[in-house]
All heavy atoms as atom14 arrays in JSON, in Angstrom:
{
  "sequence": "TYLELENYEIKTLDLLSAQNVPDDCEGLIIASPKKDF",
  "atom14_mask": [
    [1, 1, 1, 1, 1, 1, 1, 0, 0, 0, 0, 0, 0, 0],
    [1, 1, 1, 1, 1, 1, 1, 1, 1, 1, 1, 1, 0, 0],
    [1, 1, 1, 1, 1, 1, 1, 1, 0, 0, 0, 0, 0, 0],
    [1, 1, 1, 1, 1, 1, 1, 1, 1, 0, 0, 0, 0, 0],
    [1, 1, 1, 1, 1, 1, 1, 1, 0, 0, 0, 0, 0, 0],
    [1, 1, 1, 1, 1, 1, 1, 1, 1, 0, 0, 0, 0, 0],
    [1, 1, 1, 1, 1, 1, 1, 1, 0, 0, 0, 0, 0, 0],
    [1, 1, 1, 1, 1, 1, 1, 1, 1, 1, 1, 1, 0, 0],
    [1, 1, 1, 1, 1, 1, 1, 1, 1, 0, 0, 0, 0, 0],
    [1, 1, 1, 1, 1, 1, 1, 1, 0, 0, 0, 0, 0, 0],
    [1, 1, 1, 1, 1, 1, 1, 1, 1, 0, 0, 0, 0, 0],
    [1, 1, 1, 1, 1, 1, 1, 0, 0, 0, 0, 0, 0, 0],
    [1, 1, 1, 1, 1, 1, 1, 1, 0, 0, 0, 0, 0, 0],
    [1, 1, 1, 1, 1, 1, 1, 1, 0, 0, 0, 0, 0, 0],
    [1, 1, 1, 1, 1, 1, 1, 1, 0, 0, 0, 0, 0, 0],
    [1, 1, 1, 1, 1, 1, 1, 1, 0, 0, 0, 0, 0, 0],
    [1, 1, 1, 1, 1, 1, 0, 0, 0, 0, 0, 0, 0, 0],
    [1, 1, 1, 1, 1, 0, 0, 0, 0, 0, 0, 0, 0, 0],
    [1, 1, 1, 1, 1, 1, 1, 1, 1, 0, 0, 0, 0, 0],
    [1, 1, 1, 1, 1, 1, 1, 1, 0, 0, 0, 0, 0, 0],
    [1, 1, 1, 1, 1, 1, 1, 0, 0, 0, 0, 0, 0, 0],
    [1, 1, 1, 1, 1, 1, 1, 0, 0, 0, 0, 0, 0, 0],
    [1, 1, 1, 1, 1, 1, 1, 1, 0, 0, 0, 0, 0, 0],
    [1, 1, 1, 1, 1, 1, 1, 1, 0, 0, 0, 0, 0, 0],
    [1, 1, 1, 1, 1, 1, 0, 0, 0, 0, 0, 0, 0, 0],
    [1, 1, 1, 1, 1, 1, 1, 1, 1, 0, 0, 0, 0, 0],
    [1, 1, 1, 1, 0, 0, 0, 0, 0, 0, 0, 0, 0, 0],
    [1, 1, 1, 1, 1, 1, 1, 1, 0, 0, 0, 0, 0, 0],
    [1, 1, 1, 1, 1, 1, 1, 1, 0, 0, 0, 0, 0, 0],
    [1, 1, 1, 1, 1, 1, 1, 1, 0, 0, 0, 0, 0, 0],
    [1, 1, 1, 1, 1, 0, 0, 0, 0, 0, 0, 0, 0, 0],
    [1, 1, 1, 1, 1, 1, 0, 0, 0, 0, 0, 0, 0, 0],
    [1, 1, 1, 1, 1, 1, 1, 0, 0, 0, 0, 0, 0, 0],
    [1, 1, 1, 1, 1, 1, 1, 1, 1, 0, 0, 0, 0, 0],
    [1, 1, 1, 1, 1, 1, 1, 1, 1, 0, 0, 0, 0, 0],
    [1, 1, 1, 1, 1, 1, 1, 1, 0, 0, 0, 0, 0, 0],
    [1, 1, 1, 1, 1, 1, 1, 1, 1, 1, 1, 0, 0, 0]
  ],
  "atom14_positions": [
    [[33.37, 62.7, 26.62], [32.05, 62.73, 27.23], [31.19, 61.56, 26.75], [30.54, 60.89, 27.56], [31.35, 64.07, 26.91], [32.16, 65.14, 27.41], [29.98, 64.13, 27.54], [0.0, 0.0, 0.0], [0.0, 0.0, 0.0], [0.0, 0.0, 0.0], [0.0, 0.0, 0.0], [0.0, 0.0, 0.0], [0.0, 0.0, 0.0], [0.0, 0.0, 0.0]],
    [[31.2, 61.31, 25.46], [30.42, 60.2, 24.91], [30.86, 58.87, 25.52], [30.02, 58.07, 25.96], [30.55, 60.14, 23.39], [29.9, 58.92, 22.8], [28.53, 58.86, 22.64], [30.66, 57.81, 22.44], [27.92, 57.72, 22.13], [30.07, 56.68, 21.93], [28.7, 56.63, 21.78], [28.11, 55.5, 21.28], [0.0, 0.0, 0.0], [0.0, 0.0, 0.0]],
    [[32.17, 58.63, 25.56], [32.67, 57.37, 26.09], [32.35, 57.22, 27.58], [32.02, 56.13, 28.04], [34.17, 57.24, 25.83], [34.54, 57.06, 24.37], [36.06, 57.16, 24.18], [34.03, 55.74, 23.82], [0.0, 0.0, 0.0], [0.0, 0.0, 0.0], [0.0, 0.0, 0.0], [0.0, 0.0, 0.0], [0.0, 0.0, 0.0], [0.0, 0.0, 0.0]],
    [[32.45, 58.3, 28.32], [32.1, 58.24, 29.74], [30.62, 57.93, 29.92], [30.25, 57.17, 30.83], [32.47, 59.55, 30.43], [33.96, 59.7, 30.61], [34.37, 61.07, 31.12], [33.62, 62.05, 30.95], [35.47, 61.14, 31.68], [0.0, 0.0, 0.0], [0.0, 0.0, 0.0], [0.0, 0.0, 0.0], [0.0, 0.0, 0.0], [0.0, 0.0, 0.0]],
    [[29.77, 58.48, 29.07], [28.33, 58.17, 29.14], [28.05, 56.72, 28.8], [27.03, 56.16, 29.21], [27.54, 59.1, 28.21], [27.47, 60.56, 28.65], [26.86, 61.43, 27.56], [26.69, 60.7, 29.95], [0.0, 0.0, 0.0], [0.0, 0.0, 0.0], [0.0, 0.0, 0.0], [0.0, 0.0, 0.0], [0.0, 0.0, 0.0], [0.0, 0.0, 0.0]],
    [[28.96, 56.09, 28.05], [28.84, 54.66, 27.73], [29.56, 53.79, 28.78], [29.8, 52.61, 28.56], [29.44, 54.4, 26.34], [28.66, 55.04, 25.21], [27.29, 54.42, 25.03], [27.17, 53.18, 25.13], [26.32, 55.18, 24.81], [0.0, 0.0, 0.0], [0.0, 0.0, 0.0], [0.0, 0.0, 0.0], [0.0, 0.0, 0.0], [0.0, 0.0, 0.0]],
    [[29.91, 54.41, 29.9], [30.53, 53.74, 31.05], [31.97, 53.29, 30.82], [32.42, 52.33, 31.45], [29.67, 52.57, 31.56], [28.37, 53.06, 32.15], [28.35, 54.06, 32.86], [27.29, 52.4, 31.82], [0.0, 0.0, 0.0], [0.0, 0.0, 0.0], [0.0, 0.0, 0.0], [0.0, 0.0, 0.0], [0.0, 0.0, 0.0], [0.0, 0.0, 0.0]],
    [[32.68, 53.97, 29.94], [34.12, 53.72, 29.79], [34.86, 54.64, 30.75], [34.46, 55.77, 30.99], [34.59, 54.02, 28.37], [34.2, 52.97, 27.37], [33.05, 53.11, 26.59], [34.99, 51.84, 27.18], [32.69, 52.15, 25.67], [34.63, 50.87, 26.27], [33.48, 51.03, 25.51], [33.12, 50.08, 24.6], [0.0, 0.0, 0.0], [0.0, 0.0, 0.0]],
    [[35.93, 54.12, 31.31], [36.8, 54.92, 32.17], [37.91, 55.49, 31.28], [38.62, 54.74, 30.62], [37.41, 54.07, 33.28], [38.29, 54.85, 34.21], [38.88, 53.99, 35.31], [38.55, 52.79, 35.4], [39.69, 54.51, 36.07], [0.0, 0.0, 0.0], [0.0, 0.0, 0.0], [0.0, 0.0, 0.0], [0.0, 0.0, 0.0], [0.0, 0.0, 0.0]],
    [[38.06, 56.8, 31.26], [39.03, 57.47, 30.42], [40.2, 57.92, 31.27], [40.02, 58.56, 32.31], [38.4, 58.7, 29.72], [37.1, 58.35, 29.02], [39.41, 59.36, 28.79], [37.23, 57.29, 27.95], [0.0, 0.0, 0.0], [0.0, 0.0, 0.0], [0.0, 0.0, 0.0], [0.0, 0.0, 0.0], [0.0, 0.0, 0.0], [0.0, 0.0, 0.0]],
    [[41.4, 57.56, 30.84], [42.61, 57.98, 31.54], [43.61, 58.55, 30.54], [43.66, 58.1, 29.4], [43.27, 56.78, 32.24], [42.45, 56.15, 33.33], [43.2, 54.99, 33.94], [42.38, 54.29, 35.0], [43.1, 53.13, 35.55], [0.0, 0.0, 0.0], [0.0, 0.0, 0.0], [0.0, 0.0, 0.0], [0.0, 0.0, 0.0], [0.0, 0.0, 0.0]],
    [[44.38, 59.5, 31.01], [45.48, 60.03, 30.21], [46.69, 59.14, 30.43], [46.96, 58.71, 31.55], [45.79, 61.48, 30.63], [44.62, 62.27, 30.43], [46.93, 62.05, 29.83], [0.0, 0.0, 0.0], [0.0, 0.0, 0.0], [0.0, 0.0, 0.0], [0.0, 0.0, 0.0], [0.0, 0.0, 0.0], [0.0, 0.0, 0.0], [0.0, 0.0, 0.0]],
    [[47.42, 58.88, 29.36], [48.58, 57.99, 29.43], [49.82, 58.72, 28.96], [49.85, 59.24, 27.85], [48.34, 56.75, 28.56], [49.48, 55.75, 28.45], [49.84, 55.18, 29.82], [49.11, 54.65, 27.48], [0.0, 0.0, 0.0], [0.0, 0.0, 0.0], [0.0, 0.0, 0.0], [0.0, 0.0, 0.0], [0.0, 0.0, 0.0], [0.0, 0.0, 0.0]],
    [[50.84, 58.76, 29.8], [52.14, 59.32, 29.43], [53.08, 58.14, 29.18], [53.57, 57.52, 30.12], [52.67, 60.21, 30.56], [54.03, 60.8, 30.26], [54.63, 60.48, 29.21], [54.52, 61.59, 31.1], [0.0, 0.0, 0.0], [0.0, 0.0, 0.0], [0.0, 0.0, 0.0], [0.0, 0.0, 0.0], [0.0, 0.0, 0.0], [0.0, 0.0, 0.0]],
    [[53.29, 57.81, 27.91], [54.09, 56.64, 27.57], [55.56, 56.79, 27.94], [56.25, 55.8, 28.14], [53.96, 56.31, 26.08], [52.66, 55.64, 25.69], [52.56, 55.52, 24.18], [52.53, 54.28, 26.34], [0.0, 0.0, 0.0], [0.0, 0.0, 0.0], [0.0, 0.0, 0.0], [0.0, 0.0, 0.0], [0.0, 0.0, 0.0], [0.0, 0.0, 0.0]],
    [[56.05, 58.01, 28.02], [57.45, 58.19, 28.44], [57.64, 57.75, 29.89], [58.65, 57.16, 30.23], [57.89, 59.64, 28.26], [58.15, 60.07, 26.83], [58.52, 61.55, 26.78], [59.25, 59.24, 26.2], [0.0, 0.0, 0.0], [0.0, 0.0, 0.0], [0.0, 0.0, 0.0], [0.0, 0.0, 0.0], [0.0, 0.0, 0.0], [0.0, 0.0, 0.0]],
    [[56.64, 58.03, 30.72], [56.72, 57.62, 32.13], [56.35, 56.16, 32.32], [57.01, 55.43, 33.03], [55.8, 58.49, 32.99], [56.19, 59.83, 32.94], [0.0, 0.0, 0.0], [0.0, 0.0, 0.0], [0.0, 0.0, 0.0], [0.0, 0.0, 0.0], [0.0, 0.0, 0.0], [0.0, 0.0, 0.0], [0.0, 0.0, 0.0], [0.0, 0.0, 0.0]],
    [[55.27, 55.75, 31.67], [54.75, 54.4, 31.86], [55.59, 53.34, 31.15], [55.63, 52.19, 31.56], [53.31, 54.31, 31.38], [0.0, 0.0, 0.0], [0.0, 0.0, 0.0], [0.0, 0.0, 0.0], [0.0, 0.0, 0.0], [0.0, 0.0, 0.0], [0.0, 0.0, 0.0], [0.0, 0.0, 0.0], [0.0, 0.0, 0.0], [0.0, 0.0, 0.0]],
    [[56.22, 53.7, 30.04], [57.04, 52.81, 29.23], [56.26, 51.78, 28.42], [56.82, 51.1, 27.59], [58.1, 52.08, 30.09], [59.04, 53.0, 30.82], [60.11, 53.59, 29.91], [60.68, 52.88, 29.11], [60.36, 54.87, 30.05], [0.0, 0.0, 0.0], [0.0, 0.0, 0.0], [0.0, 0.0, 0.0], [0.0, 0.0, 0.0], [0.0, 0.0, 0.0]],
    [[54.96, 51.62, 28.71], [54.12, 50.72, 27.91], [52.65, 51.03, 28.15], [52.3, 51.73, 29.08], [54.43, 49.24, 28.21], [54.22, 48.88, 29.66], [53.42, 49.5, 30.35], [54.92, 47.88, 30.13], [0.0, 0.0, 0.0], [0.0, 0.0, 0.0], [0.0, 0.0, 0.0], [0.0, 0.0, 0.0], [0.0, 0.0, 0.0], [0.0, 0.0, 0.0]],
    [[51.82, 50.49, 27.29], [50.38, 50.64, 27.44], [49.93, 49.59, 28.46], [50.28, 48.41, 28.34], [49.66, 50.43, 26.08], [48.16, 50.53, 26.25], [50.17, 51.43, 25.05], [0.0, 0.0, 0.0], [0.0, 0.0, 0.0], [0.0, 0.0, 0.0], [0.0, 0.0, 0.0], [0.0, 0.0, 0.0], [0.0, 0.0, 0.0], [0.0, 0.0, 0.0]],
    [[49.17, 49.99, 29.48], [48.74, 49.03, 30.51], [47.96, 47.86, 29.92], [47.24, 48.01, 28.93], [47.83, 49.88, 31.41], [48.23, 51.29, 31.16], [48.69, 51.34, 29.74], [0.0, 0.0, 0.0], [0.0, 0.0, 0.0], [0.0, 0.0, 0.0], [0.0, 0.0, 0.0], [0.0, 0.0, 0.0], [0.0, 0.0, 0.0], [0.0, 0.0, 0.0]],
    [[48.09, 46.7, 30.54], [47.43, 45.49, 30.07], [45.91, 45.6, 30.08], [45.23, 44.96, 29.3], [47.85, 44.28, 30.91], [49.3, 43.88, 30.65], [49.83, 44.2, 29.56], [49.91, 43.26, 31.54], [0.0, 0.0, 0.0], [0.0, 0.0, 0.0], [0.0, 0.0, 0.0], [0.0, 0.0, 0.0], [0.0, 0.0, 0.0], [0.0, 0.0, 0.0]],
    [[45.36, 46.43, 30.97], [43.9, 46.55, 31.06], [43.33, 47.62, 30.13], [42.14, 47.9, 30.18], [43.47, 46.8, 32.5], [43.96, 48.15, 33.05], [44.84, 48.78, 32.42], [43.47, 48.56, 34.11], [0.0, 0.0, 0.0], [0.0, 0.0, 0.0], [0.0, 0.0, 0.0], [0.0, 0.0, 0.0], [0.0, 0.0, 0.0], [0.0, 0.0, 0.0]],
    [[44.16, 48.16, 29.26], [43.7, 49.18, 28.31], [42.85, 48.52, 27.22], [43.31, 47.65, 26.51], [44.89, 49.9, 27.68], [44.43, 51.15, 26.48], [0.0, 0.0, 0.0], [0.0, 0.0, 0.0], [0.0, 0.0, 0.0], [0.0, 0.0, 0.0], [0.0, 0.0, 0.0], [0.0, 0.0, 0.0], [0.0, 0.0, 0.0], [0.0, 0.0, 0.0]],
    [[41.58, 48.94, 27.12], [40.68, 48.38, 26.11], [40.76, 49.1, 24.78], [40.35, 48.58, 23.76], [39.25, 48.41, 26.64], [39.04, 47.48, 27.81], [37.59, 47.47, 28.27], [36.7, 47.67, 27.44], [37.37, 47.24, 29.46], [0.0, 0.0, 0.0], [0.0, 0.0, 0.0], [0.0, 0.0, 0.0], [0.0, 0.0, 0.0], [0.0, 0.0, 0.0]],
    [[41.27, 50.31, 24.8], [41.4, 51.08, 23.57], [42.29, 52.29, 23.8], [42.18, 52.95, 24.82], [0.0, 0.0, 0.0], [0.0, 0.0, 0.0], [0.0, 0.0, 0.0], [0.0, 0.0, 0.0], [0.0, 0.0, 0.0], [0.0, 0.0, 0.0], [0.0, 0.0, 0.0], [0.0, 0.0, 0.0], [0.0, 0.0, 0.0], [0.0, 0.0, 0.0]],
    [[43.15, 52.54, 22.85], [44.07, 53.66, 22.93], [43.65, 54.71, 21.9], [43.51, 54.39, 20.72], [45.49, 53.17, 22.65], [46.62, 54.17, 22.74], [46.76, 54.7, 24.17], [47.92, 53.53, 22.3], [0.0, 0.0, 0.0], [0.0, 0.0, 0.0], [0.0, 0.0, 0.0], [0.0, 0.0, 0.0], [0.0, 0.0, 0.0], [0.0, 0.0, 0.0]],
    [[43.42, 55.92, 22.37], [43.05, 57.01, 21.47], [44.23, 57.97, 21.37], [44.72, 58.46, 22.38], [41.81, 57.78, 21.98], [40.62, 56.83, 22.08], [41.51, 58.96, 21.05], [39.4, 57.46, 22.73], [0.0, 0.0, 0.0], [0.0, 0.0, 0.0], [0.0, 0.0, 0.0], [0.0, 0.0, 0.0], [0.0, 0.0, 0.0], [0.0, 0.0, 0.0]],
    [[44.68, 58.18, 20.16], [45.75, 59.14, 19.9], [45.12, 60.26, 19.08], [44.65, 60.03, 17.97], [46.92, 58.5, 19.14], [47.49, 57.34, 19.96], [47.99, 59.53, 18.82], [48.51, 56.51, 19.24], [0.0, 0.0, 0.0], [0.0, 0.0, 0.0], [0.0, 0.0, 0.0], [0.0, 0.0, 0.0], [0.0, 0.0, 0.0], [0.0, 0.0, 0.0]],
    [[45.09, 61.45, 19.66], [44.38, 62.56, 19.02], [45.33, 63.68, 18.63], [45.89, 64.35, 19.49], [43.31, 63.1, 19.96], [0.0, 0.0, 0.0], [0.0, 0.0, 0.0], [0.0, 0.0, 0.0], [0.0, 0.0, 0.0], [0.0, 0.0, 0.0], [0.0, 0.0, 0.0], [0.0, 0.0, 0.0], [0.0, 0.0, 0.0], [0.0, 0.0, 0.0]],
    [[45.52, 63.83, 17.35], [46.31, 64.92, 16.77], [47.61, 65.19, 17.51], [47.77, 66.24, 18.15], [45.48, 66.2, 16.71], [44.39, 66.03, 15.86], [0.0, 0.0, 0.0], [0.0, 0.0, 0.0], [0.0, 0.0, 0.0], [0.0, 0.0, 0.0], [0.0, 0.0, 0.0], [0.0, 0.0, 0.0], [0.0, 0.0, 0.0], [0.0, 0.0, 0.0]],
    [[48.55, 64.25, 17.45], [49.82, 64.48, 18.14], [50.48, 65.76, 17.62], [50.45, 66.05, 16.43], [50.66, 63.25, 17.8], [49.86, 62.42, 16.88], [48.52, 63.01, 16.72], [0.0, 0.0, 0.0], [0.0, 0.0, 0.0], [0.0, 0.0, 0.0], [0.0, 0.0, 0.0], [0.0, 0.0, 0.0], [0.0, 0.0, 0.0], [0.0, 0.0, 0.0]],
    [[51.09, 66.49, 18.54], [51.71, 67.78, 18.19], [53.16, 67.63, 17.77], [53.73, 68.53, 17.17], [51.63, 68.73, 19.39], [50.23, 68.96, 19.89], [49.49, 69.96, 19.03], [48.17, 70.34, 19.62], [47.02, 69.68, 19.06], [0.0, 0.0, 0.0], [0.0, 0.0, 0.0], [0.0, 0.0, 0.0], [0.0, 0.0, 0.0], [0.0, 0.0, 0.0]],
    [[53.79, 66.5, 18.14], [55.2, 66.27, 17.78], [55.41, 64.79, 17.52], [54.55, 63.97, 17.84], [56.12, 66.78, 18.88], [55.88, 66.16, 20.23], [56.74, 66.79, 21.31], [56.4, 66.15, 22.64], [57.17, 66.65, 23.73], [0.0, 0.0, 0.0], [0.0, 0.0, 0.0], [0.0, 0.0, 0.0], [0.0, 0.0, 0.0], [0.0, 0.0, 0.0]],
    [[56.53, 64.47, 16.94], [56.85, 63.07, 16.63], [56.99, 62.26, 17.92], [57.39, 62.79, 18.97], [58.15, 62.98, 15.85], [58.04, 63.56, 14.45], [56.9, 63.7, 13.96], [59.09, 63.88, 13.87], [0.0, 0.0, 0.0], [0.0, 0.0, 0.0], [0.0, 0.0, 0.0], [0.0, 0.0, 0.0], [0.0, 0.0, 0.0], [0.0, 0.0, 0.0]],
    [[56.66, 60.98, 17.84], [56.82, 60.09, 18.98], [58.3, 59.76, 19.18], [59.05, 59.64, 18.21], [56.04, 58.78, 18.77], [54.56, 58.97, 18.74], [53.84, 58.78, 17.58], [53.88, 59.33, 19.89], [52.47, 58.95, 17.55], [52.51, 59.51, 19.88], [51.8, 59.31, 18.71], [0.0, 0.0, 0.0], [0.0, 0.0, 0.0], [0.0, 0.0, 0.0]]
  ]
}
């Protein structure tokens, strides 16, 4: 909510499907992973 109010676009990223972090990603947030990568 805070980031959206600061005009950031928030997207969920599935790295298994995408295979990489998109080039236009300004910041990656990893929040309490439940299992090993």
